C-alpha atoms as a PDB file:
ATOM      1  CA  MET A   1      23.064  14.357   2.592  1.00  0.00           C
ATOM      2  CA  ASN A   2      26.655  13.139   2.765  1.00  0.00           C
ATOM      3  CA  ILE A   3      28.020  13.550  -0.763  1.00  0.00           C
ATOM      4  CA  PHE A   4      30.359  10.563  -0.415  1.00  0.00           C
ATOM      5  CA  ARG A   5      27.486   8.308   0.663  1.00  0.00           C
ATOM      6  CA  LYS A   6      25.335   9.582  -2.196  1.00  0.00           C
ATOM      7  CA  TRP A   7      27.923   8.827  -4.866  1.00  0.00           C
ATOM      8  CA  SER A   8      28.726   5.495  -3.241  1.00  0.00           C
ATOM      9  CA  VAL A   9      25.056   4.545  -3.510  1.00  0.00           C
ATOM     10  CA  TYR A  10      24.865   5.617  -7.154  1.00  0.00           C
ATOM     11  CA  LEU A  11      28.004   3.700  -8.134  1.00  0.00           C
ATOM     12  CA  ARG A  12      27.049   0.536  -6.270  1.00  0.00           C
ATOM     13  CA  TYR A  13      23.523   0.701  -7.669  1.00  0.00           C
ATOM     14  CA  THR A  14      24.897   0.838 -11.215  1.00  0.00           C
ATOM     15  CA  PHE A  15      27.096  -2.166 -10.467  1.00  0.00           C
ATOM     16  CA  PHE A  16      24.243  -4.172  -8.918  1.00  0.00           C
ATOM     17  CA  LYS A  17      21.999  -3.467 -11.918  1.00  0.00           C
ATOM     18  CA  VAL A  18      24.602  -5.192 -14.088  1.00  0.00           C
ATOM     19  CA  ILE A  19      25.318  -8.254 -11.968  1.00  0.00           C
ATOM     20  CA  LEU A  20      21.978  -9.004 -10.263  1.00  0.00           C
ATOM     21  CA  PRO A  21      18.632 -10.148 -11.674  1.00  0.00           C
ATOM     22  CA  PHE A  22      15.624  -7.918 -11.057  1.00  0.00           C
ATOM     23  CA  PRO A  23      11.881  -8.726 -11.198  1.00  0.00           C
ATOM     24  CA  LYS A  24       9.718  -7.702 -14.140  1.00  0.00           C
ATOM     25  CA  ILE A  25       7.068  -5.206 -13.013  1.00  0.00           C
ATOM     26  CA  ILE A  26       4.344  -3.618 -15.135  1.00  0.00           C
ATOM     27  CA  SER A  27       3.466   0.080 -14.956  1.00  0.00           C
ATOM     28  CA  ASN A  28       0.987   1.763 -12.629  1.00  0.00           C
ATOM     29  CA  GLU A  29      -1.356   2.277 -15.583  1.00  0.00           C
ATOM     30  CA  ASP A  30      -1.242  -1.378 -16.646  1.00  0.00           C
ATOM     31  CA  THR A  31      -1.704  -2.484 -13.037  1.00  0.00           C
ATOM     32  CA  LEU A  32      -4.793  -0.290 -12.657  1.00  0.00           C
ATOM     33  CA  ASP A  33      -6.245  -1.630 -15.903  1.00  0.00           C
ATOM     34  CA  LEU A  34      -5.594  -5.179 -14.677  1.00  0.00           C
ATOM     35  CA  LEU A  35      -7.481  -4.501 -11.448  1.00  0.00           C
ATOM     36  CA  ILE A  36     -10.426  -2.936 -13.274  1.00  0.00           C
ATOM     37  CA  ASN A  37     -10.686  -5.555 -16.005  1.00  0.00           C
ATOM     38  CA  SER A  38      -9.914  -8.720 -14.038  1.00  0.00           C
ATOM     39  CA  GLY A  39     -11.695  -8.029 -10.754  1.00  0.00           C
ATOM     40  CA  LYS A  40      -8.866  -9.846  -8.988  1.00  0.00           C
ATOM     41  CA  SER A  41      -7.580  -8.921  -5.563  1.00  0.00           C
ATOM     42  CA  ILE A  42      -4.146  -7.395  -5.010  1.00  0.00           C
ATOM     43  CA  VAL A  43      -1.534  -7.475  -2.253  1.00  0.00           C
ATOM     44  CA  ARG A  44       1.273  -4.929  -2.245  1.00  0.00           C
ATOM     45  CA  TYR A  45       4.839  -5.158  -0.996  1.00  0.00           C
ATOM     46  CA  GLY A  46       6.687  -1.953  -0.180  1.00  0.00           C
ATOM     47  CA  ASP A  47       9.865  -1.322   1.763  1.00  0.00           C
ATOM     48  CA  GLY A  48       7.962  -1.805   5.037  1.00  0.00           C
ATOM     49  CA  GLU A  49       6.710  -5.250   4.057  1.00  0.00           C
ATOM     50  CA  PHE A  50      10.230  -6.272   3.016  1.00  0.00           C
ATOM     51  CA  HIS A  51      11.734  -5.060   6.292  1.00  0.00           C
ATOM     52  CA  MET A  52       9.040  -6.975   8.174  1.00  0.00           C
ATOM     53  CA  LEU A  53       9.563 -10.054   5.997  1.00  0.00           C
ATOM     54  CA  GLY A  54      13.284  -9.984   6.714  1.00  0.00           C
ATOM     55  CA  LYS A  55      12.767  -9.185  10.400  1.00  0.00           C
ATOM     56  CA  THR A  56      15.307  -6.379  10.003  1.00  0.00           C
ATOM     57  CA  GLU A  57      13.513  -3.462  11.693  1.00  0.00           C
ATOM     58  CA  ASP A  58      10.260  -2.158  13.139  1.00  0.00           C
ATOM     59  CA  ILE A  59       8.360   0.157  10.792  1.00  0.00           C
ATOM     60  CA  GLY A  60       6.672   2.654  13.105  1.00  0.00           C
ATOM     61  CA  PHE A  61       3.169   1.200  13.106  1.00  0.00           C
ATOM     62  CA  GLN A  62       4.185  -2.471  13.332  1.00  0.00           C
ATOM     63  CA  VAL A  63       6.847  -4.084  15.494  1.00  0.00           C
ATOM     64  CA  ILE A  64       8.584  -7.183  14.205  1.00  0.00           C
ATOM     65  CA  ASN A  65       6.323 -10.219  14.459  1.00  0.00           C
ATOM     66  CA  ILE A  66       7.625 -13.697  13.606  1.00  0.00           C
ATOM     67  CA  ASP A  67       4.266 -14.997  12.370  1.00  0.00           C
ATOM     68  CA  LEU A  68       3.679 -11.906  10.238  1.00  0.00           C
ATOM     69  CA  SER A  69       7.140 -12.286   8.735  1.00  0.00           C
ATOM     70  CA  GLN A  70       6.444 -15.905   7.807  1.00  0.00           C
ATOM     71  CA  ARG A  71       3.076 -15.075   6.268  1.00  0.00           C
ATOM     72  CA  LEU A  72       4.624 -12.314   4.147  1.00  0.00           C
ATOM     73  CA  LYS A  73       7.199 -14.793   2.823  1.00  0.00           C
ATOM     74  CA  GLU A  74       4.533 -17.390   2.018  1.00  0.00           C
ATOM     75  CA  ILE A  75       2.319 -14.896   0.194  1.00  0.00           C
ATOM     76  CA  LEU A  76       5.183 -13.414  -1.831  1.00  0.00           C
ATOM     77  CA  VAL A  77       6.035 -16.810  -3.328  1.00  0.00           C
ATOM     78  CA  SER A  78       2.404 -17.961  -3.664  1.00  0.00           C
ATOM     79  CA  ASP A  79       0.571 -18.510  -6.927  1.00  0.00           C
ATOM     80  CA  ASN A  80      -3.108 -17.984  -6.123  1.00  0.00           C
ATOM     81  CA  PRO A  81      -4.985 -17.160  -9.362  1.00  0.00           C
ATOM     82  CA  ASN A  82      -7.361 -14.867  -7.453  1.00  0.00           C
ATOM     83  CA  CYS A  83      -4.611 -12.646  -6.098  1.00  0.00           C
ATOM     84  CA  ILE A  84      -2.174 -10.325  -7.851  1.00  0.00           C
ATOM     85  CA  ILE A  85       1.229  -9.809  -6.238  1.00  0.00           C
ATOM     86  CA  ALA A  86       2.557  -6.262  -6.563  1.00  0.00           C
ATOM     87  CA  LEU A  87       6.114  -5.021  -6.033  1.00  0.00           C
ATOM     88  CA  PRO A  88       7.529  -1.482  -5.978  1.00  0.00           C
ATOM     89  CA  ILE A  89       8.490  -0.451  -9.501  1.00  0.00           C
ATOM     90  CA  GLY A  90      11.692   0.956  -8.003  1.00  0.00           C
ATOM     91  CA  LEU A  91      12.944  -2.643  -7.787  1.00  0.00           C
ATOM     92  CA  ASN A  92      12.915  -2.742 -11.577  1.00  0.00           C
ATOM     93  CA  ALA A  93      13.822   0.806 -12.607  1.00  0.00           C
ATOM     94  CA  VAL A  94      13.934   4.311 -11.137  1.00  0.00           C
ATOM     95  CA  LYS A  95      13.066   6.132 -14.354  1.00  0.00           C
ATOM     96  CA  GLY A  96      10.204   8.537 -13.734  1.00  0.00           C
ATOM     97  CA  PHE A  97      10.874   9.054 -10.034  1.00  0.00           C
ATOM     98  CA  ASN A  98      11.760  12.479  -8.677  1.00  0.00           C
ATOM     99  CA  PRO A  99      15.223  12.839  -7.024  1.00  0.00           C
ATOM    100  CA  VAL A 100      13.898  11.830  -3.596  1.00  0.00           C
ATOM    101  CA  GLY A 101      12.121   8.724  -4.901  1.00  0.00           C
ATOM    102  CA  GLU A 102      15.047   7.810  -7.139  1.00  0.00           C
ATOM    103  CA  TYR A 103      17.581   7.949  -4.318  1.00  0.00           C
ATOM    104  CA  PHE A 104      15.282   6.080  -1.942  1.00  0.00           C
ATOM    105  CA  TRP A 105      15.024   3.049  -4.232  1.00  0.00           C
ATOM    106  CA  LYS A 106      18.659   3.129  -5.242  1.00  0.00           C
ATOM    107  CA  GLN A 107      19.770   2.981  -1.622  1.00  0.00           C
ATOM    108  CA  PHE A 108      17.148   0.295  -0.880  1.00  0.00           C
ATOM    109  CA  ILE A 109      18.635  -1.881  -3.616  1.00  0.00           C
ATOM    110  CA  VAL A 110      22.199  -1.194  -2.474  1.00  0.00           C
ATOM    111  CA  PHE A 111      21.604  -1.948   1.201  1.00  0.00           C
ATOM    112  CA  HIS A 112      18.648  -4.363   1.256  1.00  0.00           C
ATOM    113  CA  TYR A 113      17.775  -5.965  -2.086  1.00  0.00           C
ATOM    114  CA  ARG A 114      20.120  -8.967  -1.845  1.00  0.00           C
ATOM    115  CA  LYS A 115      18.389 -10.115   1.369  1.00  0.00           C
ATOM    116  CA  TYR A 116      15.115 -10.581  -0.516  1.00  0.00           C
ATOM    117  CA  ILE A 117      16.263 -11.741  -3.935  1.00  0.00           C
ATOM    118  CA  GLN A 118      15.583 -15.384  -3.018  1.00  0.00           C
ATOM    119  CA  TYR A 119      11.839 -14.706  -2.859  1.00  0.00           C
ATOM    120  CA  PHE A 120      11.393 -13.377  -6.417  1.00  0.00           C
ATOM    121  CA  ASP A 121      10.384 -15.399  -9.445  1.00  0.00           C
ATOM    122  CA  PHE A 122      12.280 -13.858 -12.349  1.00  0.00           C
ATOM    123  CA  LYS A 123      10.128 -15.667 -14.916  1.00  0.00           C
ATOM    124  CA  LYS A 124       7.033 -14.009 -13.498  1.00  0.00           C
ATOM    125  CA  THR A 125       5.651 -10.532 -14.204  1.00  0.00           C
ATOM    126  CA  TYR A 126       4.486  -8.624 -11.131  1.00  0.00           C
ATOM    127  CA  ALA A 127       2.054  -5.746 -10.780  1.00  0.00           C
ATOM    128  CA  SER A 128       3.148  -2.349  -9.473  1.00  0.00           C
ATOM    129  CA  ALA A 129       2.736  -1.639  -5.763  1.00  0.00           C
ATOM    130  CA  ASN A 130       2.964   2.068  -6.628  1.00  0.00           C
ATOM    131  CA  VAL A 131      -0.505   1.903  -8.187  1.00  0.00           C
ATOM    132  CA  THR A 132      -1.870   3.416  -4.972  1.00  0.00           C
ATOM    133  CA  ARG A 133       1.015   5.882  -4.653  1.00  0.00           C
ATOM    134  CA  PRO A 134       1.029   7.553  -8.079  1.00  0.00           C
ATOM    135  CA  TYR A 135       1.851  11.137  -7.144  1.00  0.00           C
ATOM    136  CA  MET A 136       4.408  12.273  -4.590  1.00  0.00           C
ATOM    137  CA  ASP A 137       7.462  10.242  -5.669  1.00  0.00           C
ATOM    138  CA  PHE A 138       7.131  10.948  -9.402  1.00  0.00           C
ATOM    139  CA  LYS A 139       8.388  13.810 -11.592  1.00  0.00           C
ATOM    140  CA  ASP A 140       5.612  14.021 -14.163  1.00  0.00           C
ATOM    141  CA  HIS A 141       2.179  14.939 -12.784  1.00  0.00           C
ATOM    142  CA  SER A 142       0.544  15.784 -16.094  1.00  0.00           C
ATOM    143  CA  SER A 143      -1.546  12.593 -16.103  1.00  0.00           C
ATOM    144  CA  THR A 144      -2.162  12.249 -12.359  1.00  0.00           C
ATOM    145  CA  GLN A 145      -5.704  13.635 -12.498  1.00  0.00           C
ATOM    146  CA  LYS A 146      -6.548  11.210 -15.302  1.00  0.00           C
ATOM    147  CA  PHE A 147      -5.032   8.374 -13.275  1.00  0.00           C
ATOM    148  CA  PHE A 148      -7.102   9.126 -10.176  1.00  0.00           C
ATOM    149  CA  ASP A 149     -10.238   9.470 -12.312  1.00  0.00           C
ATOM    150  CA  ARG A 150      -9.499   6.058 -13.789  1.00  0.00           C
ATOM    151  CA  MET A 151      -8.879   4.627 -10.300  1.00  0.00           C
ATOM    152  CA  LYS A 152     -12.331   5.767  -9.181  1.00  0.00           C
ATOM    153  CA  VAL A 153     -13.806   3.302 -11.698  1.00  0.00           C
ATOM    154  CA  LEU A 154     -12.820   0.564  -9.241  1.00  0.00           C
ATOM    155  CA  TRP A 155     -15.503   1.609  -6.756  1.00  0.00           C
ATOM    156  CA  ASN A 156     -17.970   3.369  -9.045  1.00  0.00           C
ATOM    157  CA  ASP A 157     -21.531   2.663  -7.815  1.00  0.00           C
ATOM    158  CA  LYS A 158     -20.263  -0.130  -5.558  1.00  0.00           C
ATOM    159  CA  LYS A 159     -20.895  -1.026  -1.938  1.00  0.00           C
ATOM    160  CA  ILE A 160     -17.463  -0.730  -0.386  1.00  0.00           C
ATOM    161  CA  LEU A 161     -16.090  -1.777   2.971  1.00  0.00           C
ATOM    162  CA  ILE A 162     -12.991   0.015   4.232  1.00  0.00           C
ATOM    163  CA  VAL A 163     -10.858  -1.820   6.786  1.00  0.00           C
ATOM    164  CA  GLU A 164      -8.454   0.665   8.342  1.00  0.00           C
ATOM    165  CA  GLY A 165      -6.683   1.851  11.470  1.00  0.00           C
ATOM    166  CA  GLU A 166      -8.267   4.299  13.870  1.00  0.00           C
ATOM    167  CA  MET A 167      -6.150   7.190  12.572  1.00  0.00           C
ATOM    168  CA  SER A 168      -6.400   6.618   8.800  1.00  0.00           C
ATOM    169  CA  LYS A 169      -9.875   7.931   7.833  1.00  0.00           C
ATOM    170  CA  LEU A 170      -9.668   7.115   4.132  1.00  0.00           C
ATOM    171  CA  GLY A 171     -11.757   9.467   2.010  1.00  0.00           C
ATOM    172  CA  VAL A 172     -12.738  11.695   4.932  1.00  0.00           C
ATOM    173  CA  GLY A 173     -12.569  15.355   3.919  1.00  0.00           C
ATOM    174  CA  ASN A 174     -12.181  14.657   0.203  1.00  0.00           C
ATOM    175  CA  ASP A 175     -14.186  13.257  -2.723  1.00  0.00           C
ATOM    176  CA  LEU A 176     -12.055  10.178  -3.424  1.00  0.00           C
ATOM    177  CA  PHE A 177     -14.945   7.751  -2.823  1.00  0.00           C
ATOM    178  CA  ALA A 178     -17.803  10.110  -3.695  1.00  0.00           C
ATOM    179  CA  ASN A 179     -18.870   7.959  -6.654  1.00  0.00           C
ATOM    180  CA  SER A 180     -19.289   4.790  -4.562  1.00  0.00           C
ATOM    181  CA  LYS A 181     -22.783   3.498  -3.831  1.00  0.00           C
ATOM    182  CA  SER A 182     -22.165   3.233  -0.086  1.00  0.00           C
ATOM    183  CA  ILE A 183     -19.308   3.124   2.415  1.00  0.00           C
ATOM    184  CA  HIS A 184     -19.026   1.093   5.595  1.00  0.00           C
ATOM    185  CA  ARG A 185     -15.960   0.808   7.790  1.00  0.00           C
ATOM    186  CA  VAL A 186     -14.303  -1.684  10.091  1.00  0.00           C
ATOM    187  CA  ILE A 187     -11.935   0.161  12.409  1.00  0.00           C
ATOM    188  CA  THR A 188      -8.984  -1.542  14.068  1.00  0.00           C
ATOM    189  CA  LEU A 189      -5.628  -0.676  15.640  1.00  0.00           C
ATOM    190  CA  SER A 190      -3.429   1.904  13.919  1.00  0.00           C
ATOM    191  CA  GLN A 191      -0.341   0.360  15.488  1.00  0.00           C
ATOM    192  CA  ASN A 192       0.502  -3.343  15.704  1.00  0.00           C
ATOM    193  CA  ALA A 193      -2.778  -4.453  14.153  1.00  0.00           C
ATOM    194  CA  TYR A 194      -1.374  -7.922  13.539  1.00  0.00           C
ATOM    195  CA  LYS A 195      -1.500  -8.766  17.245  1.00  0.00           C
ATOM    196  CA  ILE A 196      -5.294  -9.067  16.951  1.00  0.00           C
ATOM    197  CA  TYR A 197      -5.240 -10.537  13.443  1.00  0.00           C
ATOM    198  CA  PRO A 198      -7.350 -13.650  14.212  1.00  0.00           C
ATOM    199  CA  GLN A 199     -10.206 -11.484  15.501  1.00  0.00           C
ATOM    200  CA  LEU A 200      -9.896  -9.090  12.560  1.00  0.00           C
ATOM    201  CA  LEU A 201      -9.869 -11.901  10.000  1.00  0.00           C
ATOM    202  CA  GLU A 202     -12.918 -13.564  11.569  1.00  0.00           C
ATOM    203  CA  ALA A 203     -14.847 -10.272  11.526  1.00  0.00           C
ATOM    204  CA  CYS A 204     -13.990  -9.583   7.890  1.00  0.00           C
ATOM    205  CA  GLN A 205     -14.814 -13.119   6.764  1.00  0.00           C
ATOM    206  CA  ALA A 206     -18.311 -12.644   8.182  1.00  0.00           C
ATOM    207  CA  LEU A 207     -18.763  -9.427   6.166  1.00  0.00           C
ATOM    208  CA  VAL A 208     -16.902 -10.001   2.919  1.00  0.00           C
ATOM    209  CA  LYS A 209     -19.808 -11.343   0.844  1.00  0.00           C
ATOM    210  CA  ASP A 210     -21.997  -8.348   1.722  1.00  0.00           C
ATOM    211  CA  TYR A 211     -19.821  -5.959  -0.318  1.00  0.00           C
ATOM    212  CA  ASP A 212     -18.761  -5.398  -3.916  1.00  0.00           C
ATOM    213  CA  LEU A 213     -15.286  -4.247  -2.945  1.00  0.00           C
ATOM    214  CA  ILE A 214     -13.123  -4.231   0.187  1.00  0.00           C
ATOM    215  CA  LEU A 215     -10.308  -1.721   0.636  1.00  0.00           C
ATOM    216  CA  VAL A 216      -7.709  -2.500   3.306  1.00  0.00           C
ATOM    217  CA  SER A 217      -5.253   0.059   4.698  1.00  0.00           C
ATOM    218  CA  LEU A 218      -3.231  -1.527   7.520  1.00  0.00           C
ATOM    219  CA  GLY A 219       0.409  -1.703   6.446  1.00  0.00           C
ATOM    220  CA  PRO A 220       1.828  -5.265   6.353  1.00  0.00           C
ATOM    221  CA  THR A 221      -1.323  -6.586   8.033  1.00  0.00           C
ATOM    222  CA  ALA A 222      -3.276  -5.442   4.960  1.00  0.00           C
ATOM    223  CA  THR A 223      -1.098  -7.651   2.752  1.00  0.00           C
ATOM    224  CA  VAL A 224      -2.003 -10.730   4.775  1.00  0.00           C
ATOM    225  CA  LEU A 225      -5.676  -9.822   5.197  1.00  0.00           C
ATOM    226  CA  ALA A 226      -6.202  -9.103   1.497  1.00  0.00           C
ATOM    227  CA  TYR A 227      -4.650 -12.449   0.622  1.00  0.00           C
ATOM    228  CA  ASP A 228      -6.687 -14.385   3.179  1.00  0.00           C
ATOM    229  CA  LEU A 229      -9.934 -12.848   1.856  1.00  0.00           C
ATOM    230  CA  CYS A 230      -9.220 -13.148  -1.865  1.00  0.00           C
ATOM    231  CA  ASP A 231     -11.026 -16.478  -2.383  1.00  0.00           C
ATOM    232  CA  PHE A 232     -14.424 -15.283  -1.128  1.00  0.00           C
ATOM    233  CA  GLY A 233     -15.601 -13.855  -4.466  1.00  0.00           C
ATOM    234  CA  THR A 234     -15.206 -10.164  -3.568  1.00  0.00           C
ATOM    235  CA  GLN A 235     -12.345  -8.052  -4.883  1.00  0.00           C
ATOM    236  CA  ILE A 236      -9.961  -7.066  -2.081  1.00  0.00           C
ATOM    237  CA  ILE A 237      -7.514  -4.226  -2.618  1.00  0.00           C
ATOM    238  CA  ASP A 238      -4.559  -3.525  -0.364  1.00  0.00           C
ATOM    239  CA  ILE A 239      -5.079   0.220  -0.864  1.00  0.00           C
ATOM    240  CA  GLY A 240      -2.278   1.606   1.297  1.00  0.00           C
ATOM    241  CA  HIS A 241      -1.704   5.369   1.341  1.00  0.00           C
ATOM    242  CA  VAL A 242      -3.876   6.273  -1.643  1.00  0.00           C
ATOM    243  CA  ASP A 243      -5.947   8.700   0.427  1.00  0.00           C
ATOM    244  CA  LEU A 244      -2.885  10.710   1.459  1.00  0.00           C
ATOM    245  CA  GLU A 245      -1.552  10.706  -2.102  1.00  0.00           C
ATOM    246  CA  TYR A 246      -4.899  12.063  -3.258  1.00  0.00           C
ATOM    247  CA  GLU A 247      -4.926  14.727  -0.543  1.00  0.00           C
ATOM    248  CA  TRP A 248      -1.436  15.921  -1.501  1.00  0.00           C
ATOM    249  CA  PHE A 249      -2.297  15.895  -5.198  1.00  0.00           C
ATOM    250  CA  VAL A 250      -5.504  17.905  -4.770  1.00  0.00           C
ATOM    251  CA  ARG A 251      -3.619  20.453  -2.665  1.00  0.00           C
ATOM    252  CA  GLY A 252      -0.703  20.614  -5.088  1.00  0.00           C
ATOM    253  CA  GLU A 253       1.821  19.743  -2.391  1.00  0.00           C
ATOM    254  CA  LYS A 254       5.406  19.073  -3.457  1.00  0.00           C
ATOM    255  CA  GLU A 255       6.416  17.273  -0.265  1.00  0.00           C
ATOM    256  CA  LYS A 256       4.673  15.199   2.376  1.00  0.00           C
ATOM    257  CA  VAL A 257       2.856  17.480   4.782  1.00  0.00           C
ATOM    258  CA  PRO A 258       0.438  16.849   7.673  1.00  0.00           C
ATOM    259  CA  ILE A 259      -3.256  16.414   6.858  1.00  0.00           C
ATOM    260  CA  ASP A 260      -5.622  17.429   9.653  1.00  0.00           C
ATOM    261  CA  GLY A 261      -7.172  14.452  11.429  1.00  0.00           C
ATOM    262  CA  LYS A 262      -5.076  11.800   9.628  1.00  0.00           C
ATOM    263  CA  HIS A 263      -1.928  10.016  10.685  1.00  0.00           C
ATOM    264  CA  ILE A 264       0.982   9.944   8.235  1.00  0.00           C
ATOM    265  CA  ASN A 265       3.520   7.281   9.148  1.00  0.00           C
ATOM    266  CA  GLU A 266       6.381   8.908   7.218  1.00  0.00           C
ATOM    267  CA  LEU A 267       6.053  12.025   9.388  1.00  0.00           C
ATOM    268  CA  GLY A 268       6.199  10.070  12.651  1.00  0.00           C
ATOM    269  CA  TYR A 269       3.942   9.486  15.623  1.00  0.00           C
ATOM    270  CA  ASP A 270       5.274  12.461  17.541  1.00  0.00           C
ATOM    271  CA  ILE A 271       3.330  14.992  15.448  1.00  0.00           C
ATOM    272  CA  GLU A 272       0.090  16.283  16.917  1.00  0.00           C
ATOM    273  CA  TYR A 273      -2.934  15.731  14.690  1.00  0.00           C
ATOM    274  CA  GLN A 274      -6.371  17.200  15.151  1.00  0.00           C
ATOM    275  CA  SER A 275      -8.942  14.527  16.016  1.00  0.00           C
ATOM    276  CA  SER A 276     -11.618  16.131  13.883  1.00  0.00           C
ATOM    277  CA  VAL A 277     -15.064  14.567  14.079  1.00  0.00           C
ATOM    278  CA  ASP A 278     -16.919  13.885  10.857  1.00  0.00           C
ATOM    279  CA  THR A 279     -20.549  12.822  11.294  1.00  0.00           C
ATOM    280  CA  ASP A 280     -20.688  10.838   8.053  1.00  0.00           C
ATOM    281  CA  TYR A 281     -17.479   9.028   8.982  1.00  0.00           C
ATOM    282  CA  LEU A 282     -18.864   8.028  12.385  1.00  0.00           C
ATOM    283  CA  GLN A 283     -22.075   6.737  10.811  1.00  0.00           C
ATOM    284  CA  GLN A 284     -20.085   4.590   8.377  1.00  0.00           C
ATOM    285  CA  ILE A 285     -18.384   2.628  11.164  1.00  0.00           C
ATOM    286  CA  ILE A 286     -20.181  -0.690  11.559  1.00  0.00           C
ATOM    287  CA  LEU A 287     -17.605  -2.512  13.679  1.00  0.00           C
ATOM    288  CA  LYS A 288     -14.523  -1.863  15.797  1.00  0.00           C
ATOM    289  CA  VAL A 289     -11.979  -4.626  16.293  1.00  0.00           C
ATOM    290  CA  VAL A 290      -9.455  -3.277  18.764  1.00  0.00           C
ATOM    291  CA  LYS A 291      -8.857  -6.201  21.129  1.00  0.00           C
END
């Protein structure tokens, strides 16, 4: 890393923290308790959602889409009582992050934050988008096992529907969802899922009331889908990369590494992954929406 750039980021970050307002964001633990106790749905904004909202760059699995950008803006400033809006806690403070996570959010604030400041309500308290990413970017892992155990309460003895891309395979090869009552899956595109969003939304609307909980892992498309389903009486969770975080935690990994059979966006689409076949996974698929 260029040392001049690094110190420039640190100095400018310190300056911005003094002169700019920043959103109030509760902790991962408080966010998880809110989800468990309220039964409300949640949509999460990370750096990818902000880049898509600002139409600044493609994010690997989703090219810039004008309609998607507009929807992300509308949802971020919405006030639906059935839906919790979650922001990255790095927008509020970087305490607790490891050096990689700390620098990532400092440079995000230095180079990008001012483009999005108009969309935040500084009188409001947001949930933490890191609730589904509680491991890799943080220094202290002493309570991570307890956190994942607490997270599993969300789907304990529940009929869950997972809506995910073809290459995600949430819970396959691990015990993350072992305490659920049943698992069904709707499989859709791993890249540019928003181009078939009307078909995906229609399919999910027909299924939503048949389940106790719906978990959506589709990047920015998940943010929109979770919001559009939140008024149907079933809790919808924009679950993001929780499966990969759990895999890395169980393995004790200190950096993001490939997981057989699963795509990891941060490692790029040019890495070869084994297309392992899991019989249980195949039996769980009840619908494919790919065109």
